[in-house]
Amino acid sequence: MELRQLRYFVSVVAQGSMGRAALELGVGTSALSQQISRLEGELATRLLQRTSSGVVPTDAGLAFWRQAQLAIRHADDAMRAAQLARLSGHVSVGMAPSTTGVLGLPFMAAMRQRYPDIRLHLVENLSGNLATMLGARQLDLAVLFQAERTRRWSVLPLLDERLFLICRRDLPAAPTQDHISLAELGDMPLILPSGPHGLRALLNTASAHAAHALNICAEIDGLPLLMDAVCAGYGATIQPGAAVARLPAEQLRLIDIVDDNISRPNLLVSLSDDELSPAGLATRVVLQQVASELARSGQWPGATVYNR
């Protein structure tokens, strides 16, 4: 099996057509088809299924495509590292919107200082979507709020985030105390993410345990718009402290939620150690160190580093 064949196969899957892939690669269609046939013969399985509109990967082809992408990236990183004679490569990192607000820029700064030749690809998305991307090998590592232990992933507990009631300082229904339980919220109007969101599921479970139904006045699934609504005084929200990292501190109040088991775990999840490139392994260490430093220094509100 040759690296060239892997590149050919990945291009065909991306283009969905032998002809378009041949144009992209600068080779003849017949030569490309022969190489794919040789690859299928060597693997003794069909990788592509021909259709009237082009080609699509079989189940075996889809599994092979995921690993082929990884192999090509590692090969490219190895060549670049040899050329530069120092650690280099490309690493894709995923974070939720609330996480990027406090961790994103400090992490980028640390990487630029320690590994300037590693090219970062940062992806901001919901934790569930990041897990899907990680499973599809579109990410090397991500900060998630839950992870499937059955997958061949490396899962490192990173830190734990307390949740806060967050509201405008002049919100008429705002409590005066610095700590509050869910049962004490009364009819406080809340703006929360909708049902499929992991944070909403956590709050639903906690409110059921407290035997107090939350008064939800609006559901917003994007953090920037949700926090805009809170800043406009349309209601309060329950979020980790990182949610206010990009907002003016003097405008908002953070009131501790004191109920038991109402915190959000942050997990550093990556491809298995034998799949991560050297650049990926180095990036994971930096991410872990930066997150711990932010929590210990108080720059990550409500975050506590797990004891290791």
Protein backbone atom coordinates (compact mmCIF):
# COMPACT_ATOMS: atom_id res chain seq x y z
CA MET A 1 0.00 0.00 0.00
CA GLU A 2 1.41 3.38 -1.01
CA LEU A 3 0.78 6.80 0.48
CA ARG A 4 -0.12 7.94 -3.03
CA GLN A 5 -2.99 5.44 -3.13
CA LEU A 6 -4.32 6.81 0.16
CA ARG A 7 -4.27 10.34 -1.24
CA TYR A 8 -6.06 9.15 -4.39
CA PHE A 9 -8.74 7.36 -2.39
CA VAL A 10 -9.35 10.33 -0.05
CA SER A 11 -9.68 12.65 -3.05
CA VAL A 12 -12.20 10.36 -4.77
CA VAL A 13 -14.36 10.22 -1.63
CA ALA A 14 -14.16 14.00 -1.20
CA GLN A 15 -15.07 14.67 -4.84
CA GLY A 16 -17.62 11.86 -5.18
CA SER A 17 -16.37 11.27 -8.70
CA MET A 18 -13.39 9.61 -10.37
CA GLY A 19 -13.33 12.30 -13.05
CA ARG A 20 -13.34 15.26 -10.65
CA ALA A 21 -10.73 13.59 -8.43
CA ALA A 22 -8.50 12.95 -11.46
CA LEU A 23 -8.68 16.65 -12.38
CA GLU A 24 -7.83 17.67 -8.83
CA LEU A 25 -4.89 15.26 -8.66
CA GLY A 26 -3.64 15.95 -12.18
CA VAL A 27 -3.73 12.30 -13.28
CA GLY A 28 -5.69 10.39 -15.89
CA THR A 29 -9.04 8.90 -14.91
CA SER A 30 -8.00 5.40 -16.01
CA ALA A 31 -4.75 5.58 -14.02
CA LEU A 32 -6.67 6.73 -10.95
CA SER A 33 -9.23 3.93 -11.36
CA GLN A 34 -6.42 1.36 -11.63
CA GLN A 35 -4.82 2.55 -8.41
CA ILE A 36 -8.14 2.35 -6.55
CA SER A 37 -8.70 -1.15 -7.92
CA ARG A 38 -5.24 -2.22 -6.75
CA LEU A 39 -5.97 -0.80 -3.32
CA GLU A 40 -9.24 -2.72 -3.12
CA GLY A 41 -7.44 -5.86 -4.27
CA GLU A 42 -4.78 -5.51 -1.63
CA LEU A 43 -7.40 -5.02 1.07
CA ALA A 44 -9.62 -7.75 -0.40
CA THR A 45 -12.71 -5.62 0.03
CA ARG A 46 -14.78 -3.16 -1.96
CA LEU A 47 -14.15 0.44 -0.88
CA LEU A 48 -16.26 2.35 -3.38
CA GLN A 49 -19.69 1.79 -4.82
CA ARG A 50 -20.36 3.13 -8.31
CA THR A 51 -23.63 5.00 -8.81
CA SER A 52 -25.25 6.83 -11.71
CA SER A 53 -24.00 10.15 -10.34
CA GLY A 54 -20.50 9.09 -9.25
CA VAL A 55 -19.06 7.02 -6.43
CA VAL A 56 -19.78 6.70 -2.69
CA PRO A 57 -17.80 4.81 -0.04
CA THR A 58 -19.04 1.45 1.21
CA ASP A 59 -19.10 0.81 4.96
CA ALA A 60 -15.59 -0.58 4.67
CA GLY A 61 -14.60 2.38 2.53
CA LEU A 62 -15.91 4.86 5.09
CA ALA A 63 -13.94 3.19 7.89
CA PHE A 64 -10.83 3.12 5.69
CA TRP A 65 -11.33 6.78 4.70
CA ARG A 66 -11.25 7.93 8.33
CA GLN A 67 -7.97 6.14 9.01
CA ALA A 68 -6.50 7.16 5.64
CA GLN A 69 -7.05 10.84 6.47
CA LEU A 70 -5.21 10.33 9.75
CA ALA A 71 -2.32 8.50 8.06
CA ILE A 72 -1.93 11.21 5.43
CA ARG A 73 -1.91 13.95 8.04
CA HIS A 74 0.70 12.13 10.13
CA ALA A 75 2.85 11.57 7.04
CA ASP A 76 2.63 15.25 6.10
CA ASP A 77 3.48 16.25 9.66
CA ALA A 78 6.47 13.90 9.68
CA MET A 79 7.82 15.37 6.45
CA ARG A 80 7.36 18.92 7.71
CA ALA A 81 9.01 18.09 11.04
CA ALA A 82 12.00 16.58 9.23
CA GLN A 83 12.30 19.69 7.07
CA LEU A 84 12.13 22.07 10.02
CA ALA A 85 14.05 19.81 12.44
CA ARG A 86 11.64 20.70 15.27
CA LEU A 87 8.14 19.78 16.39
CA SER A 88 5.56 20.85 13.84
CA GLY A 89 2.35 19.73 12.22
CA HIS A 90 -1.37 20.40 12.22
CA VAL A 91 -3.67 19.87 15.21
CA SER A 92 -7.46 20.33 15.34
CA VAL A 93 -8.92 21.30 18.73
CA GLY A 94 -12.61 21.67 19.60
CA MET A 95 -14.16 23.72 22.41
CA ALA A 96 -17.67 24.76 23.38
CA PRO A 97 -18.52 28.48 23.08
CA SER A 98 -18.42 29.04 26.85
CA THR A 99 -15.00 27.34 27.02
CA THR A 100 -13.41 29.39 24.24
CA GLY A 101 -14.37 32.59 26.05
CA VAL A 102 -11.95 31.87 28.87
CA LEU A 103 -9.54 29.27 27.43
CA GLY A 104 -9.27 30.05 23.72
CA LEU A 105 -6.86 32.99 23.59
CA PRO A 106 -4.60 31.93 26.51
CA PHE A 107 -4.26 28.51 24.88
CA MET A 108 -3.38 30.06 21.52
CA ALA A 109 -0.80 32.31 23.18
CA ALA A 110 0.84 29.38 24.97
CA MET A 111 1.00 27.35 21.75
CA ARG A 112 2.53 30.25 19.81
CA GLN A 113 5.17 30.62 22.49
CA ARG A 114 6.04 26.95 22.94
CA TYR A 115 5.35 25.40 19.53
CA PRO A 116 5.25 28.14 16.87
CA ASP A 117 5.50 25.59 14.05
CA ILE A 118 2.35 23.69 15.05
CA ARG A 119 -0.59 25.03 13.05
CA LEU A 120 -3.77 25.09 15.15
CA HIS A 121 -7.26 24.58 13.79
CA LEU A 122 -9.70 25.70 16.49
CA VAL A 123 -13.35 24.68 16.21
CA GLU A 124 -16.09 26.27 18.36
CA ASN A 125 -19.22 24.13 18.60
CA LEU A 126 -21.57 22.42 21.05
CA SER A 127 -20.04 19.60 23.08
CA GLY A 128 -22.21 16.93 21.43
CA ASN A 129 -21.25 18.10 17.95
CA LEU A 130 -17.58 18.13 18.91
CA ALA A 131 -17.87 14.51 20.09
CA THR A 132 -19.30 13.56 16.69
CA MET A 133 -16.45 15.34 14.91
CA LEU A 134 -13.91 13.61 17.14
CA GLY A 135 -15.47 10.25 16.28
CA ALA A 136 -15.21 11.09 12.57
CA ARG A 137 -11.50 11.98 12.99
CA GLN A 138 -12.23 15.61 12.11
CA LEU A 139 -10.71 16.67 15.43
CA ASP A 140 -7.63 15.49 17.29
CA LEU A 141 -8.82 16.58 20.72
CA ALA A 142 -11.62 18.51 22.35
CA VAL A 143 -12.87 19.77 25.71
CA LEU A 144 -16.16 17.94 26.26
CA PHE A 145 -18.68 17.82 29.07
CA GLN A 146 -19.31 14.10 28.69
CA ALA A 147 -17.67 11.30 26.72
CA GLU A 148 -18.56 7.76 25.69
CA ARG A 149 -16.18 5.46 27.50
CA THR A 150 -16.81 2.72 24.94
CA ARG A 151 -14.93 4.64 22.25
CA ARG A 152 -11.19 4.28 21.77
CA TRP A 153 -10.58 7.74 23.16
CA SER A 154 -8.18 9.07 25.73
CA VAL A 155 -10.29 10.80 28.42
CA LEU A 156 -8.55 13.00 31.01
CA PRO A 157 -10.56 14.79 33.73
CA LEU A 158 -9.64 18.45 33.29
CA LEU A 159 -11.66 20.54 35.75
CA ASP A 160 -15.09 20.99 37.29
CA GLU A 161 -17.22 24.15 36.86
CA ARG A 162 -19.72 25.42 39.41
CA LEU A 163 -22.90 26.90 37.98
CA PHE A 164 -24.15 30.41 38.71
CA LEU A 165 -27.38 32.32 38.42
CA ILE A 166 -26.35 35.15 36.10
CA CYS A 167 -28.43 38.30 35.72
CA ARG A 168 -28.26 42.05 35.29
CA ARG A 169 -27.52 43.91 38.51
CA ASP A 170 -30.72 45.92 38.10
CA LEU A 171 -33.01 43.00 37.21
CA PRO A 172 -36.15 43.59 39.36
CA ALA A 173 -36.53 39.94 40.38
CA ALA A 174 -32.84 39.43 41.18
CA PRO A 175 -32.08 37.93 44.61
CA THR A 176 -29.99 39.98 47.04
CA GLN A 177 -27.93 37.12 48.47
CA ASP A 178 -24.64 35.77 47.05
CA HIS A 179 -25.73 32.11 47.23
CA ILE A 180 -29.03 30.54 46.23
CA SER A 181 -30.61 27.14 45.76
CA LEU A 182 -32.86 26.14 42.89
CA ALA A 183 -35.82 25.94 45.25
CA GLU A 184 -35.24 29.57 46.23
CA LEU A 185 -35.47 30.84 42.66
CA GLY A 186 -39.25 30.99 42.88
CA ASP A 187 -40.72 32.47 39.69
CA MET A 188 -37.44 34.00 38.54
CA PRO A 189 -37.70 34.16 34.70
CA LEU A 190 -34.93 32.06 33.20
CA ILE A 191 -33.41 31.97 29.72
CA LEU A 192 -31.90 28.54 29.10
CA PRO A 193 -30.77 26.30 26.25
CA SER A 194 -33.38 23.89 24.93
CA GLY A 195 -33.89 20.23 25.86
CA PRO A 196 -31.13 18.50 23.80
CA HIS A 197 -28.44 20.72 25.34
CA GLY A 198 -26.32 18.96 27.99
CA LEU A 199 -26.56 21.84 30.45
CA ARG A 200 -30.35 21.84 30.20
CA ALA A 201 -30.46 18.11 30.92
CA LEU A 202 -28.31 18.68 34.02
CA LEU A 203 -30.62 21.46 35.23
CA ASN A 204 -33.76 19.42 34.56
CA THR A 205 -32.38 16.61 36.71
CA ALA A 206 -31.33 18.99 39.48
CA SER A 207 -34.68 20.84 39.52
CA ALA A 208 -36.56 17.54 39.70
CA HIS A 209 -34.38 16.52 42.66
CA ALA A 210 -35.10 19.87 44.32
CA ALA A 211 -38.84 19.44 43.60
CA HIS A 212 -38.94 22.91 42.06
CA ALA A 213 -40.01 23.58 38.45
CA LEU A 214 -37.89 26.24 36.75
CA ASN A 215 -39.74 29.22 35.26
CA ILE A 216 -38.33 29.20 31.73
CA CYS A 217 -39.34 32.33 29.82
CA ALA A 218 -37.23 31.69 26.72
CA GLU A 219 -35.00 29.01 25.16
CA ILE A 220 -31.92 30.05 23.18
CA ASP A 221 -29.35 27.57 21.89
CA GLY A 222 -26.60 30.04 20.98
CA LEU A 223 -24.53 31.35 23.90
CA PRO A 224 -23.85 34.86 22.45
CA LEU A 225 -27.56 35.55 21.84
CA LEU A 226 -28.53 33.99 25.17
CA MET A 227 -26.14 36.26 27.04
CA ASP A 228 -27.28 39.27 24.98
CA ALA A 229 -30.82 38.56 26.18
CA VAL A 230 -29.62 38.38 29.79
CA CYS A 231 -27.70 41.66 29.41
CA ALA A 232 -30.85 43.24 27.94
CA GLY A 233 -32.74 42.32 31.12
CA TYR A 234 -35.14 39.79 29.58
CA GLY A 235 -34.39 37.29 32.32
CA ALA A 236 -31.61 35.49 34.18
CA THR A 237 -29.77 32.34 33.16
CA ILE A 238 -27.89 29.49 34.81
CA GLN A 239 -24.46 28.98 33.29
CA PRO A 240 -20.86 28.30 34.28
CA GLY A 241 -18.76 31.35 35.09
CA ALA A 242 -16.91 31.07 31.77
CA ALA A 243 -20.09 32.25 30.01
CA VAL A 244 -19.38 35.85 31.12
CA ALA A 245 -15.70 35.90 30.10
CA ARG A 246 -16.40 38.16 27.11
CA LEU A 247 -18.90 40.42 28.90
CA PRO A 248 -18.46 43.54 31.09
CA ALA A 249 -18.22 42.34 34.68
CA GLU A 250 -19.79 45.48 36.16
CA GLN A 251 -23.09 44.84 34.35
CA LEU A 252 -23.79 41.31 35.62
CA ARG A 253 -24.07 39.45 38.91
CA LEU A 254 -22.91 35.88 39.44
CA ILE A 255 -24.78 34.15 42.27
CA ASP A 256 -23.58 30.73 43.38
CA ILE A 257 -26.00 27.82 42.95
CA VAL A 258 -25.51 25.77 46.12
CA ASP A 259 -27.44 22.58 45.24
CA ASP A 260 -25.41 19.38 45.36
CA ASN A 261 -24.38 17.77 42.09
CA ILE A 262 -25.02 20.89 40.03
CA SER A 263 -21.65 21.36 38.44
CA ARG A 264 -20.29 20.67 34.96
CA PRO A 265 -17.30 18.39 34.40
CA ASN A 266 -14.79 19.34 31.72
CA LEU A 267 -13.01 16.43 30.08
CA LEU A 268 -9.99 16.61 27.80
CA VAL A 269 -10.85 14.00 25.18
CA SER A 270 -8.60 13.00 22.31
CA LEU A 271 -7.86 10.25 19.88
CA SER A 272 -6.04 7.36 21.55
CA ASP A 273 -2.38 7.95 22.33
CA ASP A 274 -1.23 5.64 19.54
CA GLU A 275 -3.28 7.66 17.01
CA LEU A 276 -2.27 11.15 18.13
CA SER A 277 0.69 12.66 16.30
CA PRO A 278 3.63 14.04 18.33
CA ALA A 279 2.21 17.51 17.68
CA GLY A 280 -1.17 16.35 19.03
CA LEU A 281 0.39 14.90 22.17
CA ALA A 282 2.30 18.14 22.81
CA THR A 283 -0.83 20.22 22.22
CA ARG A 284 -2.80 18.13 24.71
CA VAL A 285 -0.20 18.79 27.42
CA VAL A 286 -0.28 22.55 26.76
CA LEU A 287 -4.09 22.64 26.84
CA GLN A 288 -4.15 20.78 30.14
CA GLN A 289 -1.55 23.08 31.69
CA VAL A 290 -3.20 26.31 30.52
CA ALA A 291 -6.64 25.25 31.78
CA SER A 292 -5.18 24.32 35.18
CA GLU A 293 -3.31 27.63 35.44
CA LEU A 294 -6.45 29.62 34.63
CA ALA A 295 -8.49 27.74 37.25
CA ARG A 296 -5.86 27.98 39.99
CA SER A 297 -5.26 31.68 39.38
CA GLY A 298 -8.99 32.49 39.55
CA GLN A 299 -9.18 33.59 35.91
CA TRP A 300 -11.69 30.78 35.18
CA PRO A 301 -14.67 31.71 37.43
CA GLY A 302 -16.01 28.78 39.40
CA ALA A 303 -13.51 26.25 38.00
CA THR A 304 -11.76 23.70 40.21
CA VAL A 305 -8.93 21.50 38.96
CA TYR A 306 -9.41 17.78 39.51
CA ASN A 307 -6.94 16.26 41.96
CA ARG A 308 -4.63 13.86 40.14
